[in-house]
């Protein structure tokens, strides 16, 4: 076994500077691993936002499907009867002669 006596191991300014630099680098990387841009705290924040973002994604996906259906109805050669009736009622304000219109105040 190798034994170092007190007289052989001395703190030189260079050795002390090396130890301080290593400790500083370790502290720097530990700080960024915990609270950096991609650190543990950022991961926790993203995990907490995940359910909200999934709900928003589902809502946007449903909207996209609805818009895709509307575009497919508009792009056909002849529009569907339901689409023509919906546009006549909503945009033009038409009603069937057999319907009663109630106007509320």
PDB file of N, CA and C in Angstrom:
ATOM      1  N   UNK A   1       0.833  -1.167   0.000  1.00  0.00           N
ATOM      2  CA  UNK A   1       0.000   0.000   0.000  1.00  0.00           C
ATOM      3  C   UNK A   1       0.889   1.246   0.000  1.00  0.00           C
ATOM      4  N   UNK A   2       0.434   2.222  -0.783  1.00  0.00           N
ATOM      5  CA  UNK A   2       1.189   3.457  -0.912  1.00  0.00           C
ATOM      6  C   UNK A   2       0.781   4.399   0.188  1.00  0.00           C
ATOM      7  N   UNK A   3       1.737   4.887   0.870  1.00  0.00           N
ATOM      8  CA  UNK A   3       1.459   5.772   1.992  1.00  0.00           C
ATOM      9  C   UNK A   3       2.118   7.114   1.728  1.00  0.00           C
ATOM     10  N   UNK A   4       1.328   8.169   1.901  1.00  0.00           N
ATOM     11  CA  UNK A   4       1.859   9.516   1.668  1.00  0.00           C
ATOM     12  C   UNK A   4       2.008  10.191   3.020  1.00  0.00           C
ATOM     13  N   UNK A   5       3.155  10.658   3.271  1.00  0.00           N
ATOM     14  CA  UNK A   5       3.352  11.365   4.544  1.00  0.00           C
ATOM     15  C   UNK A   5       2.939  12.816   4.376  1.00  0.00           C
ATOM     16  N   UNK A   6       2.797  13.497   5.477  1.00  0.00           N
ATOM     17  CA  UNK A   6       2.367  14.897   5.444  1.00  0.00           C
ATOM     18  C   UNK A   6       3.381  15.780   4.717  1.00  0.00           C
ATOM     19  N   UNK A   7       4.594  15.381   4.739  1.00  0.00           N
ATOM     20  CA  UNK A   7       5.615  16.234   4.143  1.00  0.00           C
ATOM     21  C   UNK A   7       5.611  16.134   2.617  1.00  0.00           C
ATOM     22  N   UNK A   8       5.125  15.007   2.077  1.00  0.00           N
ATOM     23  CA  UNK A   8       5.108  14.845   0.633  1.00  0.00           C
ATOM     24  C   UNK A   8       3.906  15.526  -0.025  1.00  0.00           C
ATOM     25  N   UNK A   9       2.800  15.665   0.708  1.00  0.00           N
ATOM     26  CA  UNK A   9       1.576  16.257   0.153  1.00  0.00           C
ATOM     27  C   UNK A   9       1.458  17.691   0.650  1.00  0.00           C
ATOM     28  N   UNK A  10       1.638  18.630  -0.254  1.00  0.00           N
ATOM     29  CA  UNK A  10       1.551  20.029   0.125  1.00  0.00           C
ATOM     30  C   UNK A  10       0.587  20.742  -0.813  1.00  0.00           C
ATOM     31  N   UNK A  11      -0.110  21.681  -0.238  1.00  0.00           N
ATOM     32  CA  UNK A  11      -1.018  22.497  -1.035  1.00  0.00           C
ATOM     33  C   UNK A  11      -0.228  23.598  -1.713  1.00  0.00           C
ATOM     34  N   UNK A  12      -0.167  23.496  -2.997  1.00  0.00           N
ATOM     35  CA  UNK A  12       0.468  24.565  -3.755  1.00  0.00           C
ATOM     36  C   UNK A  12      -0.656  25.450  -4.298  1.00  0.00           C
ATOM     37  N   UNK A  13      -0.388  26.661  -4.668  1.00  0.00           N
ATOM     38  CA  UNK A  13      -1.433  27.533  -5.227  1.00  0.00           C
ATOM     39  C   UNK A  13      -2.058  26.936  -6.492  1.00  0.00           C
ATOM     40  N   UNK A  14      -1.263  26.246  -7.271  1.00  0.00           N
ATOM     41  CA  UNK A  14      -1.789  25.632  -8.488  1.00  0.00           C
ATOM     42  C   UNK A  14      -2.770  24.500  -8.153  1.00  0.00           C
ATOM     43  N   UNK A  15      -2.422  23.688  -7.175  1.00  0.00           N
ATOM     44  CA  UNK A  15      -3.293  22.578  -6.776  1.00  0.00           C
ATOM     45  C   UNK A  15      -4.588  23.121  -6.158  1.00  0.00           C
ATOM     46  N   UNK A  16      -4.496  24.159  -5.343  1.00  0.00           N
ATOM     47  CA  UNK A  16      -5.688  24.758  -4.728  1.00  0.00           C
ATOM     48  C   UNK A  16      -6.584  25.371  -5.802  1.00  0.00           C
ATOM     49  N   UNK A  17      -5.987  26.008  -6.791  1.00  0.00           N
ATOM     50  CA  UNK A  17      -6.761  26.597  -7.875  1.00  0.00           C
ATOM     51  C   UNK A  17      -7.469  25.515  -8.693  1.00  0.00           C
ATOM     52  N   UNK A  18      -6.815  24.388  -8.884  1.00  0.00           N
ATOM     53  CA  UNK A  18      -7.426  23.278  -9.619  1.00  0.00           C
ATOM     54  C   UNK A  18      -8.628  22.721  -8.858  1.00  0.00           C
ATOM     55  N   UNK A  19      -8.505  22.550  -7.560  1.00  0.00           N
ATOM     56  CA  UNK A  19      -9.616  22.040  -6.746  1.00  0.00           C
ATOM     57  C   UNK A  19     -10.780  23.025  -6.749  1.00  0.00           C
ATOM     58  N   UNK A  20     -10.489  24.313  -6.616  1.00  0.00           N
ATOM     59  CA  UNK A  20     -11.541  25.328  -6.626  1.00  0.00           C
ATOM     60  C   UNK A  20     -12.229  25.369  -7.985  1.00  0.00           C
ATOM     61  N   UNK A  21     -11.466  25.248  -9.065  1.00  0.00           N
ATOM     62  CA  UNK A  21     -12.053  25.253 -10.409  1.00  0.00           C
ATOM     63  C   UNK A  21     -12.944  24.033 -10.609  1.00  0.00           C
ATOM     64  N   UNK A  22     -12.513  22.863 -10.145  1.00  0.00           N
ATOM     65  CA  UNK A  22     -13.334  21.652 -10.270  1.00  0.00           C
ATOM     66  C   UNK A  22     -14.616  21.770  -9.455  1.00  0.00           C
ATOM     67  N   UNK A  23     -14.523  22.299  -8.254  1.00  0.00           N
ATOM     68  CA  UNK A  23     -15.723  22.498  -7.431  1.00  0.00           C
ATOM     69  C   UNK A  23     -16.667  23.515  -8.081  1.00  0.00           C
ATOM     70  N   UNK A  24     -16.119  24.564  -8.668  1.00  0.00           N
ATOM     71  CA  UNK A  24     -16.944  25.559  -9.344  1.00  0.00           C
ATOM     72  C   UNK A  24     -17.660  24.976 -10.559  1.00  0.00           C
ATOM     73  N   UNK A  25     -16.945  24.184 -11.343  1.00  0.00           N
ATOM     74  CA  UNK A  25     -17.571  23.550 -12.504  1.00  0.00           C
ATOM     75  C   UNK A  25     -18.647  22.556 -12.075  1.00  0.00           C
ATOM     76  N   UNK A  26     -18.390  21.822 -11.015  1.00  0.00           N
ATOM     77  CA  UNK A  26     -19.391  20.882 -10.505  1.00  0.00           C
ATOM     78  C   UNK A  26     -20.639  21.626 -10.046  1.00  0.00           C
ATOM     79  N   UNK A  27     -20.461  22.724  -9.334  1.00  0.00           N
ATOM     80  CA  UNK A  27     -21.601  23.525  -8.883  1.00  0.00           C
ATOM     81  C   UNK A  27     -22.359  24.121 -10.067  1.00  0.00           C
ATOM     82  N   UNK A  28     -21.634  24.574 -11.083  1.00  0.00           N
ATOM     83  CA  UNK A  28     -22.262  25.151 -12.278  1.00  0.00           C
ATOM     84  C   UNK A  28     -23.141  24.119 -12.981  1.00  0.00           C
ATOM     85  N   UNK A  29     -22.592  22.931 -13.228  1.00  0.00           N
ATOM     86  CA  UNK A  29     -23.357  21.901 -13.923  1.00  0.00           C
ATOM     87  C   UNK A  29     -24.507  21.367 -13.066  1.00  0.00           C
ATOM     88  N   UNK A  30     -24.321  21.275 -11.766  1.00  0.00           N
ATOM     89  CA  UNK A  30     -25.408  20.833 -10.888  1.00  0.00           C
ATOM     90  C   UNK A  30     -26.547  21.850 -10.891  1.00  0.00           C
ATOM     91  N   UNK A  31     -26.203  23.124 -10.854  1.00  0.00           N
ATOM     92  CA  UNK A  31     -27.234  24.167 -10.895  1.00  0.00           C
ATOM     93  C   UNK A  31     -28.046  24.090 -12.187  1.00  0.00           C
ATOM     94  N   UNK A  32     -27.371  23.930 -13.315  1.00  0.00           N
ATOM     95  CA  UNK A  32     -28.084  23.874 -14.597  1.00  0.00           C
ATOM     96  C   UNK A  32     -28.830  22.558 -14.787  1.00  0.00           C
ATOM     97  N   UNK A  33     -28.371  21.503 -14.156  1.00  0.00           N
ATOM     98  CA  UNK A  33     -29.102  20.234 -14.236  1.00  0.00           C
ATOM     99  C   UNK A  33     -30.410  20.315 -13.463  1.00  0.00           C
ATOM    100  N   UNK A  34     -30.459  21.124 -12.426  1.00  0.00           N
ATOM    101  CA  UNK A  34     -31.680  21.266 -11.636  1.00  0.00           C
ATOM    102  C   UNK A  34     -32.599  22.362 -12.164  1.00  0.00           C
ATOM    103  N   UNK A  35     -32.053  23.537 -12.403  1.00  0.00           N
ATOM    104  CA  UNK A  35     -32.923  24.666 -12.745  1.00  0.00           C
ATOM    105  C   UNK A  35     -32.618  25.274 -14.109  1.00  0.00           C
ATOM    106  N   UNK A  36     -31.936  24.577 -14.946  1.00  0.00           N
ATOM    107  CA  UNK A  36     -31.618  25.090 -16.276  1.00  0.00           C
ATOM    108  C   UNK A  36     -32.794  24.958 -17.230  1.00  0.00           C
ATOM    109  N   UNK A  37     -32.549  25.304 -18.477  1.00  0.00           N
ATOM    110  CA  UNK A  37     -33.592  25.291 -19.503  1.00  0.00           C
ATOM    111  C   UNK A  37     -34.163  23.889 -19.728  1.00  0.00           C
ATOM    112  N   UNK A  38     -33.336  22.878 -19.628  1.00  0.00           N
ATOM    113  CA  UNK A  38     -33.771  21.492 -19.809  1.00  0.00           C
ATOM    114  C   UNK A  38     -33.607  20.701 -18.522  1.00  0.00           C
ATOM    115  N   UNK A  39     -33.621  21.374 -17.391  1.00  0.00           N
ATOM    116  CA  UNK A  39     -33.371  20.721 -16.114  1.00  0.00           C
ATOM    117  C   UNK A  39     -34.597  20.035 -15.540  1.00  0.00           C
ATOM    118  N   UNK A  40     -34.438  19.606 -14.306  1.00  0.00           N
ATOM    119  CA  UNK A  40     -35.492  18.860 -13.619  1.00  0.00           C
ATOM    120  C   UNK A  40     -36.736  19.721 -13.420  1.00  0.00           C
ATOM    121  N   UNK A  41     -36.557  20.982 -13.048  1.00  0.00           N
ATOM    122  CA  UNK A  41     -37.711  21.867 -12.833  1.00  0.00           C
ATOM    123  C   UNK A  41     -38.461  22.106 -14.141  1.00  0.00           C
ATOM    124  N   UNK A  42     -37.756  22.257 -15.238  1.00  0.00           N
ATOM    125  CA  UNK A  42     -38.411  22.456 -16.538  1.00  0.00           C
ATOM    126  C   UNK A  42     -39.196  21.205 -16.930  1.00  0.00           C
ATOM    127  N   UNK A  43     -38.653  20.035 -16.644  1.00  0.00           N
ATOM    128  CA  UNK A  43     -39.360  18.792 -16.940  1.00  0.00           C
ATOM    129  C   UNK A  43     -40.638  18.692 -16.117  1.00  0.00           C
ATOM    130  N   UNK A  44     -40.577  19.078 -14.850  1.00  0.00           N
ATOM    131  CA  UNK A  44     -41.769  19.066 -13.990  1.00  0.00           C
ATOM    132  C   UNK A  44     -42.830  20.035 -14.507  1.00  0.00           C
ATOM    133  N   UNK A  45     -42.386  21.198 -14.944  1.00  0.00           N
ATOM    134  CA  UNK A  45     -43.318  22.195 -15.470  1.00  0.00           C
ATOM    135  C   UNK A  45     -44.006  21.671 -16.729  1.00  0.00           C
ATOM    136  N   UNK A  46     -43.258  21.039 -17.607  1.00  0.00           N
ATOM    137  CA  UNK A  46     -43.841  20.482 -18.832  1.00  0.00           C
ATOM    138  C   UNK A  46     -44.784  19.325 -18.523  1.00  0.00           C
ATOM    139  N   UNK A  47     -44.438  18.515 -17.548  1.00  0.00           N
ATOM    140  CA  UNK A  47     -45.315  17.402 -17.172  1.00  0.00           C
ATOM    141  C   UNK A  47     -46.620  17.918 -16.584  1.00  0.00           C
ATOM    142  N   UNK A  48     -46.572  19.041 -15.881  1.00  0.00           N
ATOM    143  CA  UNK A  48     -47.795  19.618 -15.314  1.00  0.00           C
ATOM    144  C   UNK A  48     -48.670  20.224 -16.409  1.00  0.00           C
ATOM    145  N   UNK A  49     -48.065  20.743 -17.476  1.00  0.00           N
ATOM    146  CA  UNK A  49     -48.826  21.343 -18.576  1.00  0.00           C
ATOM    147  C   UNK A  49     -49.368  20.317 -19.563  1.00  0.00           C
ATOM    148  N   UNK A  50     -48.887  19.092 -19.507  1.00  0.00           N
ATOM    149  CA  UNK A  50     -49.250  18.073 -20.496  1.00  0.00           C
ATOM    150  C   UNK A  50     -50.759  17.824 -20.584  1.00  0.00           C
ATOM    151  N   UNK A  51     -51.498  17.658 -19.477  1.00  0.00           N
ATOM    152  CA  UNK A  51     -52.941  17.413 -19.620  1.00  0.00           C
ATOM    153  C   UNK A  51     -53.687  18.569 -20.296  1.00  0.00           C
ATOM    154  N   UNK A  52     -53.307  19.793 -19.977  1.00  0.00           N
ATOM    155  CA  UNK A  52     -53.958  20.956 -20.594  1.00  0.00           C
ATOM    156  C   UNK A  52     -53.672  20.981 -22.088  1.00  0.00           C
ATOM    157  N   UNK A  53     -52.430  20.708 -22.447  1.00  0.00           N
ATOM    158  CA  UNK A  53     -52.067  20.714 -23.859  1.00  0.00           C
ATOM    159  C   UNK A  53     -52.752  19.573 -24.606  1.00  0.00           C
ATOM    160  N   UNK A  54     -52.944  18.434 -23.956  1.00  0.00           N
ATOM    161  CA  UNK A  54     -53.647  17.329 -24.608  1.00  0.00           C
ATOM    162  C   UNK A  54     -55.113  17.685 -24.855  1.00  0.00           C
ATOM    163  N   UNK A  55     -55.744  18.400 -23.913  1.00  0.00           N
ATOM    164  CA  UNK A  55     -57.130  18.841 -24.117  1.00  0.00           C
ATOM    165  C   UNK A  55     -57.211  19.830 -25.270  1.00  0.00           C
ATOM    166  N   UNK A  56     -56.269  20.758 -25.328  1.00  0.00           N
ATOM    167  CA  UNK A  56     -56.253  21.714 -26.428  1.00  0.00           C
ATOM    168  C   UNK A  56     -56.037  21.003 -27.762  1.00  0.00           C
ATOM    169  N   UNK A  57     -55.175  20.007 -27.753  1.00  0.00           N
ATOM    170  CA  UNK A  57     -54.929  19.241 -28.967  1.00  0.00           C
ATOM    171  C   UNK A  57     -56.195  18.524 -29.423  1.00  0.00           C
ATOM    172  N   UNK A  58     -56.919  17.928 -28.479  1.00  0.00           N
ATOM    173  CA  UNK A  58     -58.159  17.221 -28.834  1.00  0.00           C
ATOM    174  C   UNK A  58     -59.192  18.198 -29.402  1.00  0.00           C
ATOM    175  N   UNK A  59     -59.302  19.399 -28.805  1.00  0.00           N
ATOM    176  CA  UNK A  59     -60.254  20.392 -29.300  1.00  0.00           C
ATOM    177  C   UNK A  59     -59.863  20.857 -30.708  1.00  0.00           C
ATOM    178  N   UNK A  60     -58.583  21.091 -30.923  1.00  0.00           N
ATOM    179  CA  UNK A  60     -58.129  21.514 -32.249  1.00  0.00           C
ATOM    180  C   UNK A  60     -58.304  20.404 -33.273  1.00  0.00           C
ATOM    181  N   UNK A  61     -58.111  19.171 -32.862  1.00  0.00           N
ATOM    182  CA  UNK A  61     -58.307  18.047 -33.763  1.00  0.00           C
ATOM    183  C   UNK A  61     -59.774  17.932 -34.179  1.00  0.00           C
ATOM    184  N   UNK A  62     -60.702  18.138 -33.225  1.00  0.00           N
ATOM    185  CA  UNK A  62     -62.129  18.100 -33.556  1.00  0.00           C
ATOM    186  C   UNK A  62     -62.496  19.247 -34.501  1.00  0.00           C
ATOM    187  N   UNK A  63     -61.929  20.424 -34.256  1.00  0.00           N
ATOM    188  CA  UNK A  63     -62.177  21.563 -35.144  1.00  0.00           C
ATOM    189  C   UNK A  63     -61.643  21.290 -36.544  1.00  0.00           C
ATOM    190  N   UNK A  64     -60.471  20.694 -36.624  1.00  0.00           N
ATOM    191  CA  UNK A  64     -59.894  20.360 -37.925  1.00  0.00           C
ATOM    192  C   UNK A  64     -60.777  19.364 -38.669  1.00  0.00           C
ATOM    193  N   UNK A  65     -61.289  18.369 -37.958  1.00  0.00           N
ATOM    194  CA  UNK A  65     -62.175  17.384 -38.606  1.00  0.00           C
ATOM    195  C   UNK A  65     -63.454  18.041 -39.117  1.00  0.00           C
ATOM    196  N   UNK A  66     -64.013  18.963 -38.301  1.00  0.00           N
ATOM    197  CA  UNK A  66     -65.231  19.661 -38.717  1.00  0.00           C
ATOM    198  C   UNK A  66     -64.968  20.520 -39.945  1.00  0.00           C
ATOM    199  N   UNK A  67     -63.849  21.237 -39.945  1.00  0.00           N
ATOM    200  CA  UNK A  67     -63.510  22.079 -41.095  1.00  0.00           C
ATOM    201  C   UNK A  67     -63.217  21.238 -42.338  1.00  0.00           C
ATOM    202  N   UNK A  68     -62.584  20.094 -42.135  1.00  0.00           N
ATOM    203  CA  UNK A  68     -62.321  19.207 -43.272  1.00  0.00           C
ATOM    204  C   UNK A  68     -63.632  18.724 -43.889  1.00  0.00           C
ATOM    205  N   UNK A  69     -64.624  18.423 -43.058  1.00  0.00           N
ATOM    206  CA  UNK A  69     -65.932  17.999 -43.556  1.00  0.00           C
ATOM    207  C   UNK A  69     -66.603  19.127 -44.326  1.00  0.00           C
ATOM    208  N   UNK A  70     -66.533  20.352 -43.790  1.00  0.00           N
ATOM    209  CA  UNK A  70     -67.136  21.491 -44.476  1.00  0.00           C
ATOM    210  C   UNK A  70     -66.468  21.751 -45.818  1.00  0.00           C
ATOM    211  N   UNK A  71     -65.147  21.623 -45.879  1.00  0.00           N
ATOM    212  CA  UNK A  71     -64.439  21.821 -47.141  1.00  0.00           C
ATOM    213  C   UNK A  71     -64.827  20.745 -48.144  1.00  0.00           C
ATOM    214  N   UNK A  72     -64.961  19.505 -47.660  1.00  0.00           N
ATOM    215  CA  UNK A  72     -65.349  18.439 -48.585  1.00  0.00           C
ATOM    216  C   UNK A  72     -66.771  18.650 -49.103  1.00  0.00           C
ATOM    217  N   UNK A  73     -67.652  19.218 -48.289  1.00  0.00           N
ATOM    218  CA  UNK A  73     -69.006  19.515 -48.755  1.00  0.00           C
ATOM    219  C   UNK A  73     -69.006  20.637 -49.794  1.00  0.00           C
ATOM    220  N   UNK A  74     -68.110  21.604 -49.620  1.00  0.00           N
ATOM    221  CA  UNK A  74     -68.057  22.726 -50.550  1.00  0.00           C
ATOM    222  C   UNK A  74     -67.371  22.376 -51.857  1.00  0.00           C
ATOM    223  N   UNK A  75     -66.483  21.410 -51.848  1.00  0.00           N
ATOM    224  CA  UNK A  75     -65.697  21.134 -53.045  1.00  0.00           C
ATOM    225  C   UNK A  75     -66.338  20.127 -53.987  1.00  0.00           C
ATOM    226  N   UNK A  76     -67.465  19.565 -53.633  1.00  0.00           N
ATOM    227  CA  UNK A  76     -68.086  18.599 -54.527  1.00  0.00           C
ATOM    228  C   UNK A  76     -68.771  19.323 -55.703  1.00  0.00           C
ATOM    229  N   UNK A  77     -69.150  18.570 -56.716  1.00  0.00           N
ATOM    230  CA  UNK A  77     -69.780  19.163 -57.891  1.00  0.00           C
ATOM    231  C   UNK A  77     -71.132  19.786 -57.542  1.00  0.00           C
ATOM    232  N   UNK A  78     -71.936  19.053 -56.811  1.00  0.00           N
ATOM    233  CA  UNK A  78     -73.232  19.566 -56.379  1.00  0.00           C
ATOM    234  C   UNK A  78     -73.259  19.577 -54.850  1.00  0.00           C
ATOM    235  N   UNK A  79     -73.585  20.723 -54.249  1.00  0.00           N
ATOM    236  CA  UNK A  79     -73.618  20.761 -52.782  1.00  0.00           C
ATOM    237  C   UNK A  79     -74.760  19.894 -52.254  1.00  0.00           C
ATOM    238  N   UNK A  80     -74.568  19.409 -51.036  1.00  0.00           N
ATOM    239  CA  UNK A  80     -75.602  18.559 -50.451  1.00  0.00           C
ATOM    240  C   UNK A  80     -76.823  19.403 -50.070  1.00  0.00           C
ATOM    241  N   UNK A  81     -77.942  18.774 -50.013  1.00  0.00           N
ATOM    242  CA  UNK A  81     -79.195  19.459 -49.681  1.00  0.00           C
ATOM    243  C   UNK A  81     -79.134  20.064 -48.275  1.00  0.00           C
ATOM    244  N   UNK A  82     -78.503  19.345 -47.350  1.00  0.00           N
ATOM    245  CA  UNK A  82     -78.377  19.856 -45.980  1.00  0.00           C
ATOM    246  C   UNK A  82     -77.549  21.135 -45.933  1.00  0.00           C
ATOM    247  N   UNK A  83     -76.472  21.181 -46.689  1.00  0.00           N
ATOM    248  CA  UNK A  83     -75.626  22.369 -46.713  1.00  0.00           C
ATOM    249  C   UNK A  83     -76.373  23.560 -47.300  1.00  0.00           C
ATOM    250  N   UNK A  84     -77.123  23.332 -48.371  1.00  0.00           N
ATOM    251  CA  UNK A  84     -77.890  24.420 -48.991  1.00  0.00           C
ATOM    252  C   UNK A  84     -78.933  24.938 -48.005  1.00  0.00           C
ATOM    253  N   UNK A  85     -79.615  24.032 -47.299  1.00  0.00           N
ATOM    254  CA  UNK A  85     -80.624  24.450 -46.330  1.00  0.00           C
ATOM    255  C   UNK A  85     -79.991  25.205 -45.166  1.00  0.00           C
ATOM    256  N   UNK A  86     -78.827  24.741 -44.702  1.00  0.00           N
ATOM    257  CA  UNK A  86     -78.151  25.424 -43.597  1.00  0.00           C
ATOM    258  C   UNK A  86     -77.736  26.838 -43.983  1.00  0.00           C
ATOM    259  N   UNK A  87     -77.191  27.000 -45.183  1.00  0.00           N
ATOM    260  CA  UNK A  87     -76.783  28.337 -45.635  1.00  0.00           C
ATOM    261  C   UNK A  87     -78.008  29.226 -45.811  1.00  0.00           C
ATOM    262  N   UNK A  88     -79.100  28.685 -46.360  1.00  0.00           N
ATOM    263  CA  UNK A  88     -80.309  29.479 -46.557  1.00  0.00           C
ATOM    264  C   UNK A  88     -80.886  29.941 -45.224  1.00  0.00           C
ATOM    265  N   UNK A  89     -80.828  29.083 -44.222  1.00  0.00           N
ATOM    266  CA  UNK A  89     -81.388  29.460 -42.913  1.00  0.00           C
ATOM    267  C   UNK A  89     -80.469  30.428 -42.159  1.00  0.00           C
ATOM    268  N   UNK A  90     -79.189  30.083 -42.064  1.00  0.00           N
ATOM    269  CA  UNK A  90     -78.256  30.871 -41.247  1.00  0.00           C
ATOM    270  C   UNK A  90     -77.876  32.190 -41.900  1.00  0.00           C
ATOM    271  N   UNK A  91     -77.495  32.160 -43.158  1.00  0.00           N
ATOM    272  CA  UNK A  91     -76.967  33.353 -43.814  1.00  0.00           C
ATOM    273  C   UNK A  91     -78.078  34.220 -44.386  1.00  0.00           C
ATOM    274  N   UNK A  92     -79.003  33.593 -45.096  1.00  0.00           N
ATOM    275  CA  UNK A  92     -80.038  34.364 -45.786  1.00  0.00           C
ATOM    276  C   UNK A  92     -81.280  34.587 -44.940  1.00  0.00           C
ATOM    277  N   UNK A  93     -81.463  33.824 -43.892  1.00  0.00           N
ATOM    278  CA  UNK A  93     -82.613  34.005 -43.010  1.00  0.00           C
ATOM    279  C   UNK A  93     -83.905  33.433 -43.556  1.00  0.00           C
ATOM    280  N   UNK A  94     -83.833  32.473 -44.438  1.00  0.00           N
ATOM    281  CA  UNK A  94     -85.043  31.865 -45.014  1.00  0.00           C
ATOM    282  C   UNK A  94     -85.636  30.842 -44.049  1.00  0.00           C
ATOM    283  N   UNK A  95     -86.946  30.672 -44.132  1.00  0.00           N
ATOM    284  CA  UNK A  95     -87.655  29.645 -43.379  1.00  0.00           C
ATOM    285  C   UNK A  95     -88.642  28.960 -44.318  1.00  0.00           C
ATOM    286  N   UNK A  96     -89.083  27.797 -43.919  1.00  0.00           N
ATOM    287  CA  UNK A  96     -90.088  27.086 -44.712  1.00  0.00           C
ATOM    288  C   UNK A  96     -91.451  27.727 -44.504  1.00  0.00           C
ATOM    289  N   UNK A  97     -92.322  27.658 -45.487  1.00  0.00           N
ATOM    290  CA  UNK A  97     -93.646  28.272 -45.339  1.00  0.00           C
ATOM    291  C   UNK A  97     -94.461  27.647 -44.195  1.00  0.00           C
ATOM    292  N   UNK A  98     -94.193  26.415 -43.851  1.00  0.00           N
ATOM    293  CA  UNK A  98     -94.958  25.761 -42.787  1.00  0.00           C
ATOM    294  C   UNK A  98     -94.413  26.065 -41.393  1.00  0.00           C
ATOM    295  N   UNK A  99     -93.305  26.782 -41.271  1.00  0.00           N
ATOM    296  CA  UNK A  99     -92.715  27.076 -39.961  1.00  0.00           C
ATOM    297  C   UNK A  99     -93.236  28.381 -39.409  1.00  0.00           C
ATOM    298  N   UNK A 100     -93.291  28.458 -38.071  1.00  0.00           N
ATOM    299  CA  UNK A 100     -93.700  29.678 -37.373  1.00  0.00           C
ATOM    300  C   UNK A 100     -92.442  30.325 -36.793  1.00  0.00           C
ATOM    301  N   UNK A 101     -92.306  31.598 -37.037  1.00  0.00           N
ATOM    302  CA  UNK A 101     -91.129  32.329 -36.576  1.00  0.00           C
ATOM    303  C   UNK A 101     -91.513  33.119 -35.335  1.00  0.00           C
ATOM    304  N   UNK A 102     -90.745  32.917 -34.255  1.00  0.00           N
ATOM    305  CA  UNK A 102     -90.936  33.677 -33.026  1.00  0.00           C
ATOM    306  C   UNK A 102     -89.790  34.672 -32.901  1.00  0.00           C
ATOM    307  N   UNK A 103     -90.137  35.918 -32.709  1.00  0.00           N
ATOM    308  CA  UNK A 103     -89.124  36.958 -32.557  1.00  0.00           C
ATOM    309  C   UNK A 103     -89.207  37.416 -31.104  1.00  0.00           C
ATOM    310  N   UNK A 104     -88.134  37.170 -30.350  1.00  0.00           N
ATOM    311  CA  UNK A 104     -88.108  37.550 -28.938  1.00  0.00           C
ATOM    312  C   UNK A 104     -87.492  38.916 -28.737  1.00  0.00           C
ATOM    313  N   UNK A 105     -87.944  39.593 -27.685  1.00  0.00           N
ATOM    314  CA  UNK A 105     -87.389  40.910 -27.369  1.00  0.00           C
ATOM    315  C   UNK A 105     -86.757  40.909 -26.032  1.00  0.00           C
TER     316      UNK A 105
END
